[in-house]
Protein backbone atom coordinates (compact mmCIF):
# COMPACT_ATOMS: atom_id res chain seq x y z
CA UNK A 1 19.65 120.20 70.35
CA UNK A 2 16.78 122.10 72.24
CA UNK A 3 14.37 119.05 71.34
CA UNK A 4 17.09 116.67 72.90
CA UNK A 5 17.48 118.81 75.94
CA UNK A 6 13.51 118.97 76.49
CA UNK A 7 13.35 115.50 76.26
CA UNK A 8 16.85 114.44 78.15
CA UNK A 9 14.93 112.42 80.87
CA UNK A 10 12.25 110.59 79.18
CA UNK A 11 14.74 109.44 76.43
CA UNK A 12 17.42 108.40 79.29
CA UNK A 13 14.83 106.77 81.11
CA UNK A 14 13.79 104.74 78.20
CA UNK A 15 17.53 103.86 77.33
CA UNK A 16 18.10 102.75 80.83
CA UNK A 17 14.97 100.70 80.77
CA UNK A 18 15.99 98.69 77.74
CA UNK A 19 19.64 98.25 79.41
CA UNK A 20 18.02 96.55 82.50
CA UNK A 21 15.70 94.54 80.31
CA UNK A 22 18.38 93.93 77.80
CA UNK A 23 20.31 92.23 80.83
CA UNK A 24 17.33 90.53 82.29
CA UNK A 25 17.05 88.83 78.88
CA UNK A 26 20.74 87.81 78.80
CA UNK A 27 20.02 85.75 81.93
CA UNK A 28 17.31 83.85 80.54
CA UNK A 29 17.80 83.82 76.65
CA UNK A 30 17.35 80.77 74.95
CA UNK A 31 19.38 81.38 71.69
CA UNK A 32 22.60 79.66 73.01
CA UNK A 33 24.78 79.95 76.01
CA UNK A 34 28.04 81.70 76.12
CA UNK A 35 31.40 81.17 78.33
CA UNK A 36 32.13 84.92 77.72
CA UNK A 37 31.87 85.86 81.16
CA UNK A 38 33.18 88.39 84.08
CA UNK A 39 32.64 89.52 87.52
CA UNK A 40 33.48 92.25 89.71
CA UNK A 41 34.55 91.35 92.88
CA UNK A 42 32.55 87.82 92.41
CA UNK A 43 29.39 89.66 91.39
CA UNK A 44 28.40 89.09 87.69
CA UNK A 45 28.49 91.88 85.53
CA UNK A 46 24.91 91.36 84.48
CA UNK A 47 23.62 92.35 87.73
CA UNK A 48 26.20 95.18 88.19
CA UNK A 49 24.46 96.40 84.69
CA UNK A 50 21.49 96.34 86.17
CA UNK A 51 22.26 98.31 89.26
CA UNK A 52 23.91 100.73 87.38
CA UNK A 53 21.25 101.24 85.35
CA UNK A 54 18.96 101.72 88.34
CA UNK A 55 21.25 104.19 89.67
CA UNK A 56 21.06 105.95 86.44
CA UNK A 57 16.86 106.05 86.46
CA UNK A 58 16.99 107.15 90.03
CA UNK A 59 19.06 110.17 89.60
CA UNK A 60 16.97 111.07 85.90
CA UNK A 61 13.70 110.72 88.05
CA UNK A 62 14.89 113.42 90.69
CA UNK A 63 16.39 115.53 87.82
CA UNK A 64 20.12 115.42 88.43
CA UNK A 65 21.33 115.81 85.37
CA UNK A 66 25.12 116.30 86.67
CA UNK A 67 25.07 112.88 88.47
CA UNK A 68 23.36 110.89 85.33
CA UNK A 69 26.34 112.64 83.47
CA UNK A 70 29.09 111.44 85.87
CA UNK A 71 27.51 107.73 86.07
CA UNK A 72 27.58 107.77 82.44
CA UNK A 73 30.97 108.89 81.99
CA UNK A 74 32.27 106.42 84.52
CA UNK A 75 30.33 103.67 82.22
CA UNK A 76 31.94 105.04 79.23
CA UNK A 77 35.26 104.02 81.09
CA UNK A 78 34.04 100.55 82.17
CA UNK A 79 32.71 99.99 78.86
CA UNK A 80 35.92 100.88 77.04
CA UNK A 81 38.08 98.35 79.02
CA UNK A 82 35.19 95.68 78.45
CA UNK A 83 35.13 96.07 74.62
CA UNK A 84 38.86 95.91 74.78
CA UNK A 85 38.71 92.77 76.35
CA UNK A 86 36.41 91.09 73.91
CA UNK A 87 38.63 92.39 71.22
CA UNK A 88 41.69 90.55 72.73
CA UNK A 89 39.96 87.43 73.61
CA UNK A 90 38.10 87.72 70.23
CA UNK A 91 35.14 86.77 71.24
CA UNK A 92 32.04 88.79 71.28
CA UNK A 93 29.04 88.77 73.44
CA UNK A 94 25.95 90.84 71.33
CA UNK A 95 24.62 91.56 74.81
CA UNK A 96 27.74 92.99 76.34
CA UNK A 97 28.18 95.15 73.09
CA UNK A 98 24.43 96.24 72.98
CA UNK A 99 24.68 97.23 76.81
CA UNK A 100 27.79 99.66 75.71
CA UNK A 101 26.27 100.84 72.91
CA UNK A 102 23.45 102.15 75.29
CA UNK A 103 25.50 103.79 78.02
CA UNK A 104 27.24 105.87 74.92
CA UNK A 105 24.04 107.03 73.78
CA UNK A 106 22.64 108.05 76.89
CA UNK A 107 25.63 110.07 77.45
CA UNK A 108 25.46 111.66 74.00
CA UNK A 109 21.69 112.59 75.08
CA UNK A 110 23.26 113.90 78.46
CA UNK A 111 26.31 115.79 76.91
CA UNK A 112 26.81 119.14 77.91
CA UNK A 113 29.70 121.52 76.51
CA UNK A 114 31.75 122.48 79.17
CA UNK A 115 32.99 126.26 78.51
CA UNK A 116 36.24 125.39 79.68
CA UNK A 117 36.80 124.00 76.11
CA UNK A 118 37.40 127.20 74.92
CA UNK A 119 40.38 128.27 77.40
CA UNK A 120 42.95 126.38 76.06
CA UNK A 121 44.27 123.36 74.57
CA UNK A 122 44.86 121.22 77.89
CA UNK A 123 41.06 122.19 78.97
CA UNK A 124 39.73 121.54 75.76
CA UNK A 125 41.35 117.67 76.32
CA UNK A 126 40.32 117.87 80.18
CA UNK A 127 36.80 118.45 79.67
CA UNK A 128 36.33 117.22 76.45
CA UNK A 129 33.46 114.79 77.76
CA UNK A 130 31.88 117.66 80.05
CA UNK A 131 32.00 118.98 83.60
CA UNK A 132 30.86 118.08 86.88
CA UNK A 133 29.78 120.71 89.50
CA UNK A 134 31.15 119.73 92.99
CA UNK A 135 28.13 120.82 95.67
CA UNK A 136 27.26 122.73 97.68
CA UNK A 137 28.51 125.73 95.84
CA UNK A 138 28.90 124.34 92.39
CA UNK A 139 32.20 126.42 91.81
CA UNK A 140 34.50 123.71 91.57
CA UNK A 141 34.23 121.90 87.92
CA UNK A 142 35.59 118.56 87.71
CA UNK A 143 36.05 117.17 84.00
CA UNK A 144 34.01 114.04 83.44
CA UNK A 145 36.81 112.88 81.68
CA UNK A 146 38.60 111.92 85.18
CA UNK A 147 34.91 109.79 85.89
CA UNK A 148 35.42 107.91 82.95
CA UNK A 149 39.17 107.39 83.25
CA UNK A 150 38.25 106.41 87.24
CA UNK A 151 35.73 103.69 85.59
CA UNK A 152 38.44 102.33 83.68
CA UNK A 153 40.78 102.22 86.33
CA UNK A 154 38.40 100.43 88.55
CA UNK A 155 37.13 97.66 86.24
CA UNK A 156 40.73 96.82 85.57
CA UNK A 157 41.38 96.50 89.44
CA UNK A 158 38.50 94.37 89.97
CA UNK A 159 37.43 92.65 86.90
CA UNK A 160 37.80 89.15 86.60
CA UNK A 161 36.77 87.80 83.57
CA UNK A 162 37.53 84.36 80.91
CA UNK A 163 36.71 83.55 77.27
CA UNK A 164 37.69 80.19 77.00
CA UNK A 165 36.22 77.56 79.36
CA UNK A 166 38.42 74.78 80.90
CA UNK A 167 38.05 71.86 83.41
CA UNK A 168 39.86 71.95 86.82
CA UNK A 169 42.36 69.39 87.61
CA UNK A 170 40.63 67.80 90.08
CA UNK A 171 37.90 66.55 88.16
CA UNK A 172 40.01 56.73 79.83
CA UNK A 173 37.16 56.67 77.77
CA UNK A 174 37.13 59.45 75.06
CA UNK A 175 33.34 59.59 73.92
CA UNK A 176 33.84 59.69 70.37
CA UNK A 177 32.12 56.70 68.12
CA UNK A 178 32.75 55.71 64.30
CA UNK A 179 35.54 55.44 62.15
CA UNK A 180 34.50 57.73 59.42
CA UNK A 181 37.42 60.21 57.68
CA UNK A 182 34.97 63.42 58.93
CA UNK A 183 34.58 64.58 62.00
CA UNK A 184 31.52 65.99 63.99
CA UNK A 185 32.52 67.49 67.32
CA UNK A 186 29.30 68.20 69.59
CA UNK A 187 30.09 71.16 72.15
CA UNK A 188 27.06 71.05 74.87
CA UNK A 189 26.33 71.34 78.80
CA UNK A 190 23.51 69.74 80.42
CA UNK A 191 22.28 73.00 82.30
CA UNK A 192 22.03 75.02 78.83
CA UNK A 193 18.15 75.64 78.05
CA UNK A 194 19.03 76.29 74.18
CA UNK A 195 21.06 72.56 74.51
CA UNK A 196 18.06 70.81 76.00
CA UNK A 197 15.72 72.62 73.66
CA UNK A 198 17.63 70.90 70.33
CA UNK A 199 18.71 67.75 72.15
CA UNK A 200 15.88 65.70 70.32
CA UNK A 201 16.49 67.13 66.65
CA UNK A 202 20.25 66.97 67.51
CA UNK A 203 19.90 63.32 68.40
CA UNK A 204 17.95 62.71 65.02
CA UNK A 205 20.89 64.29 63.16
CA UNK A 206 23.51 62.43 64.82
CA UNK A 207 21.64 59.22 64.34
CA UNK A 208 21.37 60.00 60.80
CA UNK A 209 24.90 61.09 59.80
CA UNK A 210 26.24 58.04 62.05
CA UNK A 211 24.17 55.62 60.07
CA UNK A 212 26.06 56.69 57.00
CA UNK A 213 29.47 55.32 58.29
CA UNK A 214 31.42 58.05 56.83
CA UNK A 215 31.53 60.23 60.16
CA UNK A 216 33.28 60.18 63.61
CA UNK A 217 31.25 61.73 66.13
CA UNK A 218 32.86 63.05 69.42
CA UNK A 219 30.89 64.92 72.31
CA UNK A 220 32.96 67.51 73.86
CA UNK A 221 31.23 68.87 77.41
CA UNK A 222 31.50 72.29 78.15
CA UNK A 223 31.59 73.53 81.69
CA UNK A 224 29.62 76.94 81.44
CA UNK A 225 27.14 76.15 84.47
CA UNK A 226 28.87 75.73 87.81
CA UNK A 227 27.09 71.99 88.48
CA UNK A 228 28.07 70.63 85.17
CA UNK A 229 31.18 69.10 85.87
CA UNK A 230 29.31 66.52 88.07
CA UNK A 231 27.26 65.36 85.24
CA UNK A 232 30.41 65.31 82.95
CA UNK A 233 31.73 62.86 85.28
CA UNK A 234 29.03 60.77 85.73
CA UNK A 235 28.74 60.65 81.73
CA UNK A 236 31.86 59.81 81.67
CA UNK A 237 31.43 56.79 83.55
CA UNK A 238 28.70 55.50 81.70
CA UNK A 239 30.57 55.90 78.84
CA UNK A 240 33.51 53.81 80.27
CA UNK A 241 31.00 51.30 81.07
CA UNK A 242 30.44 50.76 77.41
CA UNK A 243 27.18 50.62 75.60
CA UNK A 244 28.69 52.50 72.57
CA UNK A 245 26.87 55.17 70.52
CA UNK A 246 23.52 54.64 71.70
CA UNK A 247 24.47 54.23 75.33
CA UNK A 248 25.87 57.50 75.32
CA UNK A 249 23.41 59.10 73.90
CA UNK A 250 20.57 57.54 76.56
CA UNK A 251 22.93 58.66 78.84
CA UNK A 252 22.92 62.24 77.64
CA UNK A 253 19.15 61.90 77.57
CA UNK A 254 19.03 60.97 81.39
CA UNK A 255 21.26 63.83 82.20
CA UNK A 256 19.54 66.64 80.18
CA UNK A 257 16.36 65.32 82.14
CA UNK A 258 17.84 65.56 85.19
CA UNK A 259 19.71 69.00 84.37
CA UNK A 260 15.91 70.61 83.71
CA UNK A 261 14.79 69.40 87.43
CA UNK A 262 18.25 71.05 88.81
CA UNK A 263 18.99 68.01 90.40
CA UNK A 264 22.71 68.50 91.77
CA UNK A 265 23.30 66.23 94.81
CA UNK A 266 25.62 63.38 93.56
CA UNK A 267 23.68 60.13 95.11
CA UNK A 268 20.13 61.53 93.28
CA UNK A 269 22.24 62.02 89.39
CA UNK A 270 23.60 58.03 90.26
CA UNK A 271 20.36 56.62 91.64
CA UNK A 272 18.60 58.35 88.29
CA UNK A 273 21.13 56.91 85.66
CA UNK A 274 21.22 53.19 87.28
CA UNK A 275 17.34 53.34 87.55
CA UNK A 276 17.31 53.74 83.64
CA UNK A 277 19.40 50.54 83.09
CA UNK A 278 22.80 52.98 82.68
CA UNK A 279 25.82 51.14 83.82
CA UNK A 280 28.56 53.24 85.38
CA UNK A 281 32.04 52.35 85.87
CA UNK A 282 34.11 54.91 88.02
CA UNK A 283 37.67 55.59 87.05
CA UNK A 284 39.68 58.88 87.04
CA UNK A 285 38.38 61.23 84.00
CA UNK A 286 41.49 63.66 84.16
CA UNK A 287 42.98 62.42 80.60
CA UNK A 288 39.78 62.94 78.68
CA UNK A 289 38.99 66.21 80.40
CA UNK A 290 42.35 67.35 79.40
CA UNK A 291 41.33 66.17 75.67
CA UNK A 292 37.99 68.19 76.65
CA UNK A 293 40.04 71.12 76.93
CA UNK A 294 42.53 70.69 74.08
CA UNK A 295 39.56 70.23 71.58
CA UNK A 296 37.62 73.50 73.10
CA UNK A 297 40.90 75.51 72.63
CA UNK A 298 41.42 74.15 69.17
CA UNK A 299 38.36 74.94 67.74
CA UNK A 300 37.75 78.34 69.93
CA UNK A 301 34.53 76.90 71.22
CA UNK A 302 32.86 79.47 73.62
CA UNK A 303 29.18 78.68 73.88
CA UNK A 304 26.88 76.05 73.24
CA UNK A 305 25.28 74.33 71.46
CA UNK A 306 28.08 74.43 68.85
CA UNK A 307 28.70 71.57 66.64
CA UNK A 308 31.94 71.70 64.48
CA UNK A 309 32.38 69.37 61.11
CA UNK A 310 35.72 69.02 59.95
CA UNK A 311 35.51 67.98 56.23
CA UNK A 312 39.10 68.33 55.67
CA UNK A 313 42.01 70.33 57.40
CA UNK A 314 41.29 73.19 55.32
CA UNK A 315 37.53 72.80 55.62
CA UNK A 316 36.45 73.25 59.25
CA UNK A 317 32.62 74.34 59.65
CA UNK A 318 31.11 75.79 62.89
CA UNK A 319 27.08 75.81 63.79
CA UNK A 320 25.74 77.46 66.57
CA UNK A 321 22.27 77.69 67.57
CA UNK A 322 19.10 75.28 66.53
CA UNK A 323 18.63 76.14 62.98
CA UNK A 324 22.34 76.16 61.95
CA UNK A 325 23.00 72.98 63.31
CA UNK A 326 20.07 71.41 62.02
CA UNK A 327 21.10 72.87 58.81
CA UNK A 328 24.52 72.02 59.15
CA UNK A 329 23.89 68.29 59.81
CA UNK A 330 21.48 68.10 56.99
CA UNK A 331 24.27 69.36 54.40
CA UNK A 332 26.84 66.72 55.77
CA UNK A 333 23.97 64.17 55.21
CA UNK A 334 23.70 65.74 51.66
CA UNK A 335 26.86 65.32 51.08
CA UNK A 336 27.78 62.16 52.42
CA UNK A 337 24.86 61.01 50.11
CA UNK A 338 25.89 62.18 47.01
CA UNK A 339 29.68 61.63 47.93
CA UNK A 340 31.23 65.03 47.76
CA UNK A 341 32.38 65.44 50.71
CA UNK A 342 35.85 66.51 50.90
CA UNK A 343 36.12 66.93 47.28
């Protein structure tokens, strides 16, 4: 304990810096895009997490251990709520869980036993997390448990989050191809960097399984990014105009390319598609968007890129991320070639 006390501040600084790095990486990661999201008063939790850890760093640098303890106690309350939210929705974000772990470890490093825990049962509970001296005299000692409860109450009243994506009511022809017995559902988002990264491999894999004649491939666009609905609308316009499976793949390629350049003006999107010889047939896509919503809920899809392969009612396999998806499609091709699918 003495060793921890000696190096408490530098360890806290390292942990807080790790928390900031984790949130920064979360904003630019290229592994997958998750729809699990939340905000407080419209501010994304990632930025709040960065600001929180910055405050911990400042207090540590000026050696205000009581303030560090108070901040971290409040953070424990917030993390308790956010972790409970993930269990409730049965959707887990490794970045969020890791950040919560950093908060817990940082609090443990800075933990100080309050003498009041030895003055009775109630005080043992109230001061179990330690105490906070109120300036300037320091004679008033508030239980840090109160800060944890305040953190929990605050996030309960201000948090807005969701774990299942859905299209709005503002926003046919469903983009599904092939008449095979086995179903492949492709969940992507045009603005998702990992989706762009595997699109060429994904397209090659889909063409290969489509060539077997044993599958039905459905494209389900996920509305993870704010500009995605515009792209989905034009993808469905292209699908509605015909062109079949190859036409759908071509439209997807153009839209992924536009998204990589952050083209978000509708006239520019329309012009780019037409310039590539992609016909568009405008219509009200709401019925298709409703089907998207139903499929997303049915398979509990929360991130992209994801591919779900339904071999039978009892065998439904989900693959997320580039390598998993490539391996999953390769296994499907192998089973289709050997005639073992569904057996």
